[in-house]
Amino acid sequence: MSAASPRVPYTRLASDAFQSLLATSRIVHDCSLEPTLMELVFMRVSQLNRCGYCMDIHGTALRKAGIDPRKLDTLPAWHESRFFDARERAALGWAEALTRLTEAAPSEADYETLPPHFDEKGISDLSMGIAIINAWNRLGAGLLPPMP
């Protein structure tokens, strides 16, 4: 399978915004939350947004980190899977709630799953990570990813 070229050269035409998004992404990767949790969240959001490029990147990172393949295989059905702990479930639920804004705004019940597992900094970092991966997904799925 060959990669398609971007529809427009957005990395050049919107260079300042692209570089800012890259810089913000680096900060999110170095946040207070463990990298594998963030990668799971990024993978799930990318699945919801159908961004194959991002799914490949995050799936590769998770496999390199040693995540059980059964966990990756069952990520789309994390609600029913036995491979996710309560903290991961809270993060994945929040990721889905923030990503599916067209269906409904996140409810108080969605939010209330977070404080038992994350402090305010963790909730902020998680939410920023979700916002950033949604931005990348929109570029990857809409304008296609830049060629490596």
C-alpha atoms as a PDB file:
ATOM      1  CA  MET A   1       0.000   0.000   0.000  1.00  0.00           C
ATOM      2  CA  SER A   2       1.497   3.335  -0.988  1.00  0.00           C
ATOM      3  CA  ALA A   3       0.943   6.546   0.912  1.00  0.00           C
ATOM      4  CA  ALA A   4      -0.852   9.354  -0.874  1.00  0.00           C
ATOM      5  CA  SER A   5       0.653  12.809  -1.003  1.00  0.00           C
ATOM      6  CA  PRO A   6      -1.034  15.527   1.035  1.00  0.00           C
ATOM      7  CA  ARG A   7      -3.892  17.248  -0.780  1.00  0.00           C
ATOM      8  CA  VAL A   8      -2.217  20.599  -0.178  1.00  0.00           C
ATOM      9  CA  PRO A   9       1.260  21.294   1.256  1.00  0.00           C
ATOM     10  CA  TYR A  10      -0.183  22.427   4.594  1.00  0.00           C
ATOM     11  CA  THR A  11       3.089  21.913   6.470  1.00  0.00           C
ATOM     12  CA  ARG A  12       4.522  24.705   4.295  1.00  0.00           C
ATOM     13  CA  LEU A  13       1.452  26.862   3.706  1.00  0.00           C
ATOM     14  CA  ALA A  14       0.463  26.902   7.386  1.00  0.00           C
ATOM     15  CA  SER A  15       4.012  26.488   8.635  1.00  0.00           C
ATOM     16  CA  ASP A  16       3.658  28.526  11.837  1.00  0.00           C
ATOM     17  CA  ALA A  17       0.512  26.672  12.899  1.00  0.00           C
ATOM     18  CA  PHE A  18       2.034  23.312  11.948  1.00  0.00           C
ATOM     19  CA  GLN A  19       5.219  24.029  13.928  1.00  0.00           C
ATOM     20  CA  SER A  20       3.138  25.163  16.909  1.00  0.00           C
ATOM     21  CA  LEU A  21       1.108  21.948  16.778  1.00  0.00           C
ATOM     22  CA  LEU A  22       4.340  19.941  16.666  1.00  0.00           C
ATOM     23  CA  ALA A  23       5.704  21.832  19.686  1.00  0.00           C
ATOM     24  CA  THR A  24       2.456  21.364  21.596  1.00  0.00           C
ATOM     25  CA  SER A  25       2.529  17.651  20.786  1.00  0.00           C
ATOM     26  CA  ARG A  26       5.986  17.330  22.312  1.00  0.00           C
ATOM     27  CA  ILE A  27       4.752  18.962  25.523  1.00  0.00           C
ATOM     28  CA  VAL A  28       1.797  16.568  25.712  1.00  0.00           C
ATOM     29  CA  HIS A  29       4.123  13.594  25.223  1.00  0.00           C
ATOM     30  CA  ASP A  30       6.137  14.811  28.231  1.00  0.00           C
ATOM     31  CA  CYS A  31       3.104  15.440  30.470  1.00  0.00           C
ATOM     32  CA  SER A  32       2.299  14.082  33.918  1.00  0.00           C
ATOM     33  CA  LEU A  33       0.632  10.932  32.542  1.00  0.00           C
ATOM     34  CA  GLU A  34       2.401   7.730  31.603  1.00  0.00           C
ATOM     35  CA  PRO A  35       3.278   7.524  27.902  1.00  0.00           C
ATOM     36  CA  THR A  36       1.525   4.202  27.306  1.00  0.00           C
ATOM     37  CA  LEU A  37      -1.751   5.580  28.669  1.00  0.00           C
ATOM     38  CA  MET A  38      -1.494   8.581  26.364  1.00  0.00           C
ATOM     39  CA  GLU A  39      -0.686   6.313  23.404  1.00  0.00           C
ATOM     40  CA  LEU A  40      -3.758   4.163  24.172  1.00  0.00           C
ATOM     41  CA  VAL A  41      -5.882   7.316  24.236  1.00  0.00           C
ATOM     42  CA  PHE A  42      -4.299   8.566  20.996  1.00  0.00           C
ATOM     43  CA  MET A  43      -4.925   5.196  19.359  1.00  0.00           C
ATOM     44  CA  ARG A  44      -8.577   5.094  20.435  1.00  0.00           C
ATOM     45  CA  VAL A  45      -9.265   8.657  19.285  1.00  0.00           C
ATOM     46  CA  SER A  46      -7.562   7.897  15.971  1.00  0.00           C
ATOM     47  CA  GLN A  47      -9.787   4.827  15.584  1.00  0.00           C
ATOM     48  CA  LEU A  48     -12.894   6.926  16.207  1.00  0.00           C
ATOM     49  CA  ASN A  49     -11.731   9.522  13.688  1.00  0.00           C
ATOM     50  CA  ARG A  50     -10.677   6.859  11.173  1.00  0.00           C
ATOM     51  CA  CYS A  51      -7.189   8.266  10.747  1.00  0.00           C
ATOM     52  CA  GLY A  52      -5.197   5.288   9.469  1.00  0.00           C
ATOM     53  CA  TYR A  53      -1.911   7.187   9.497  1.00  0.00           C
ATOM     54  CA  CYS A  54      -2.242   8.007  13.206  1.00  0.00           C
ATOM     55  CA  MET A  55      -3.468   4.482  14.045  1.00  0.00           C
ATOM     56  CA  ASP A  56      -0.298   3.119  12.446  1.00  0.00           C
ATOM     57  CA  ILE A  57       1.935   5.519  14.408  1.00  0.00           C
ATOM     58  CA  HIS A  58       0.297   4.863  17.784  1.00  0.00           C
ATOM     59  CA  GLY A  59      -0.125   1.125  17.230  1.00  0.00           C
ATOM     60  CA  THR A  60       3.575   0.878  16.415  1.00  0.00           C
ATOM     61  CA  ALA A  61       4.484   2.873  19.537  1.00  0.00           C
ATOM     62  CA  LEU A  62       2.277   0.678  21.729  1.00  0.00           C
ATOM     63  CA  ARG A  63       3.756  -2.535  20.322  1.00  0.00           C
ATOM     64  CA  LYS A  64       7.288  -1.169  20.860  1.00  0.00           C
ATOM     65  CA  ALA A  65       6.302  -0.360  24.458  1.00  0.00           C
ATOM     66  CA  GLY A  66       5.406  -4.016  24.955  1.00  0.00           C
ATOM     67  CA  ILE A  67       1.626  -3.653  25.246  1.00  0.00           C
ATOM     68  CA  ASP A  68      -0.123  -7.030  25.152  1.00  0.00           C
ATOM     69  CA  PRO A  69      -1.416  -7.586  21.592  1.00  0.00           C
ATOM     70  CA  ARG A  70      -4.743  -8.737  23.059  1.00  0.00           C
ATOM     71  CA  LYS A  71      -5.131  -5.311  24.635  1.00  0.00           C
ATOM     72  CA  LEU A  72      -4.571  -3.638  21.272  1.00  0.00           C
ATOM     73  CA  ASP A  73      -6.891  -6.095  19.533  1.00  0.00           C
ATOM     74  CA  THR A  74      -9.713  -5.321  21.964  1.00  0.00           C
ATOM     75  CA  LEU A  75      -9.232  -1.545  22.198  1.00  0.00           C
ATOM     76  CA  PRO A  76     -12.332  -0.784  20.075  1.00  0.00           C
ATOM     77  CA  ALA A  77     -14.335  -2.852  22.604  1.00  0.00           C
ATOM     78  CA  TRP A  78     -12.551  -1.601  25.725  1.00  0.00           C
ATOM     79  CA  HIS A  79     -15.894  -1.388  27.561  1.00  0.00           C
ATOM     80  CA  GLU A  80     -16.171  -5.182  27.449  1.00  0.00           C
ATOM     81  CA  SER A  81     -12.471  -6.113  27.445  1.00  0.00           C
ATOM     82  CA  ARG A  82     -10.828  -7.547  30.541  1.00  0.00           C
ATOM     83  CA  PHE A  83      -7.460  -6.053  29.561  1.00  0.00           C
ATOM     84  CA  PHE A  84      -8.150  -2.479  30.721  1.00  0.00           C
ATOM     85  CA  ASP A  85      -7.974  -1.273  34.314  1.00  0.00           C
ATOM     86  CA  ALA A  86     -10.223   1.358  35.892  1.00  0.00           C
ATOM     87  CA  ARG A  87      -7.782   4.215  35.226  1.00  0.00           C
ATOM     88  CA  GLU A  88      -7.484   3.310  31.549  1.00  0.00           C
ATOM     89  CA  ARG A  89     -11.260   2.962  31.281  1.00  0.00           C
ATOM     90  CA  ALA A  90     -11.738   6.437  32.741  1.00  0.00           C
ATOM     91  CA  ALA A  91      -9.221   7.912  30.287  1.00  0.00           C
ATOM     92  CA  LEU A  92     -10.718   6.086  27.300  1.00  0.00           C
ATOM     93  CA  GLY A  93     -14.251   7.091  28.270  1.00  0.00           C
ATOM     94  CA  TRP A  94     -13.217  10.732  28.536  1.00  0.00           C
ATOM     95  CA  ALA A  95     -11.386  10.487  25.209  1.00  0.00           C
ATOM     96  CA  GLU A  96     -14.521   9.176  23.535  1.00  0.00           C
ATOM     97  CA  ALA A  97     -16.725  11.823  25.178  1.00  0.00           C
ATOM     98  CA  LEU A  98     -14.467  14.685  24.026  1.00  0.00           C
ATOM     99  CA  THR A  99     -14.050  13.225  20.552  1.00  0.00           C
ATOM    100  CA  ARG A 100     -17.745  12.603  19.936  1.00  0.00           C
ATOM    101  CA  LEU A 101     -18.878  16.182  20.534  1.00  0.00           C
ATOM    102  CA  THR A 102     -21.213  16.082  17.564  1.00  0.00           C
ATOM    103  CA  GLU A 103     -23.283  13.453  19.385  1.00  0.00           C
ATOM    104  CA  ALA A 104     -23.411  15.228  22.759  1.00  0.00           C
ATOM    105  CA  ALA A 105     -21.310  17.303  25.098  1.00  0.00           C
ATOM    106  CA  PRO A 106     -19.525  15.280  27.788  1.00  0.00           C
ATOM    107  CA  SER A 107     -21.880  14.682  30.678  1.00  0.00           C
ATOM    108  CA  GLU A 108     -21.220  15.138  34.356  1.00  0.00           C
ATOM    109  CA  ALA A 109     -21.226  11.327  34.608  1.00  0.00           C
ATOM    110  CA  ASP A 110     -18.473  11.176  31.951  1.00  0.00           C
ATOM    111  CA  TYR A 111     -16.406  13.664  33.945  1.00  0.00           C
ATOM    112  CA  GLU A 112     -17.020  12.044  37.333  1.00  0.00           C
ATOM    113  CA  THR A 113     -15.114   8.911  36.282  1.00  0.00           C
ATOM    114  CA  LEU A 114     -11.902  10.964  36.195  1.00  0.00           C
ATOM    115  CA  PRO A 115     -11.242  12.350  39.735  1.00  0.00           C
ATOM    116  CA  PRO A 116     -10.839   8.926  41.386  1.00  0.00           C
ATOM    117  CA  HIS A 117      -7.932   8.220  39.005  1.00  0.00           C
ATOM    118  CA  PHE A 118      -6.485  11.605  38.016  1.00  0.00           C
ATOM    119  CA  ASP A 119      -5.671  14.819  39.846  1.00  0.00           C
ATOM    120  CA  GLU A 120      -6.525  18.167  38.253  1.00  0.00           C
ATOM    121  CA  LYS A 121      -3.174  18.281  36.422  1.00  0.00           C
ATOM    122  CA  GLY A 122      -3.754  14.784  35.056  1.00  0.00           C
ATOM    123  CA  ILE A 123      -7.265  15.681  33.885  1.00  0.00           C
ATOM    124  CA  SER A 124      -5.873  18.800  32.208  1.00  0.00           C
ATOM    125  CA  ASP A 125      -3.023  16.888  30.551  1.00  0.00           C
ATOM    126  CA  LEU A 126      -5.378  14.140  29.395  1.00  0.00           C
ATOM    127  CA  SER A 127      -7.842  16.657  27.951  1.00  0.00           C
ATOM    128  CA  MET A 128      -5.075  18.565  26.157  1.00  0.00           C
ATOM    129  CA  GLY A 129      -3.749  15.315  24.706  1.00  0.00           C
ATOM    130  CA  ILE A 130      -7.212  14.430  23.424  1.00  0.00           C
ATOM    131  CA  ALA A 131      -7.559  17.879  21.840  1.00  0.00           C
ATOM    132  CA  ILE A 132      -4.150  17.587  20.163  1.00  0.00           C
ATOM    133  CA  ILE A 133      -4.713  14.106  18.710  1.00  0.00           C
ATOM    134  CA  ASN A 134      -8.090  15.237  17.387  1.00  0.00           C
ATOM    135  CA  ALA A 135      -6.292  18.077  15.575  1.00  0.00           C
ATOM    136  CA  TRP A 136      -3.723  15.676  14.090  1.00  0.00           C
ATOM    137  CA  ASN A 137      -6.484  13.266  13.048  1.00  0.00           C
ATOM    138  CA  ARG A 138      -8.281  16.012  11.196  1.00  0.00           C
ATOM    139  CA  LEU A 139      -5.133  16.903   9.292  1.00  0.00           C
ATOM    140  CA  GLY A 140      -4.244  13.276   8.615  1.00  0.00           C
ATOM    141  CA  ALA A 141      -7.710  12.197   7.539  1.00  0.00           C
ATOM    142  CA  GLY A 142      -8.704  15.443   5.814  1.00  0.00           C
ATOM    143  CA  LEU A 143      -5.572  16.734   4.128  1.00  0.00           C
ATOM    144  CA  LEU A 144      -3.585  13.481   4.324  1.00  0.00           C
ATOM    145  CA  PRO A 145      -0.309  13.173   6.219  1.00  0.00           C
ATOM    146  CA  PRO A 146       2.908  14.753   4.999  1.00  0.00           C
ATOM    147  CA  MET A 147       5.303  12.363   3.309  1.00  0.00           C
ATOM    148  CA  PRO A 148       8.131  11.199   5.588  1.00  0.00           C
END
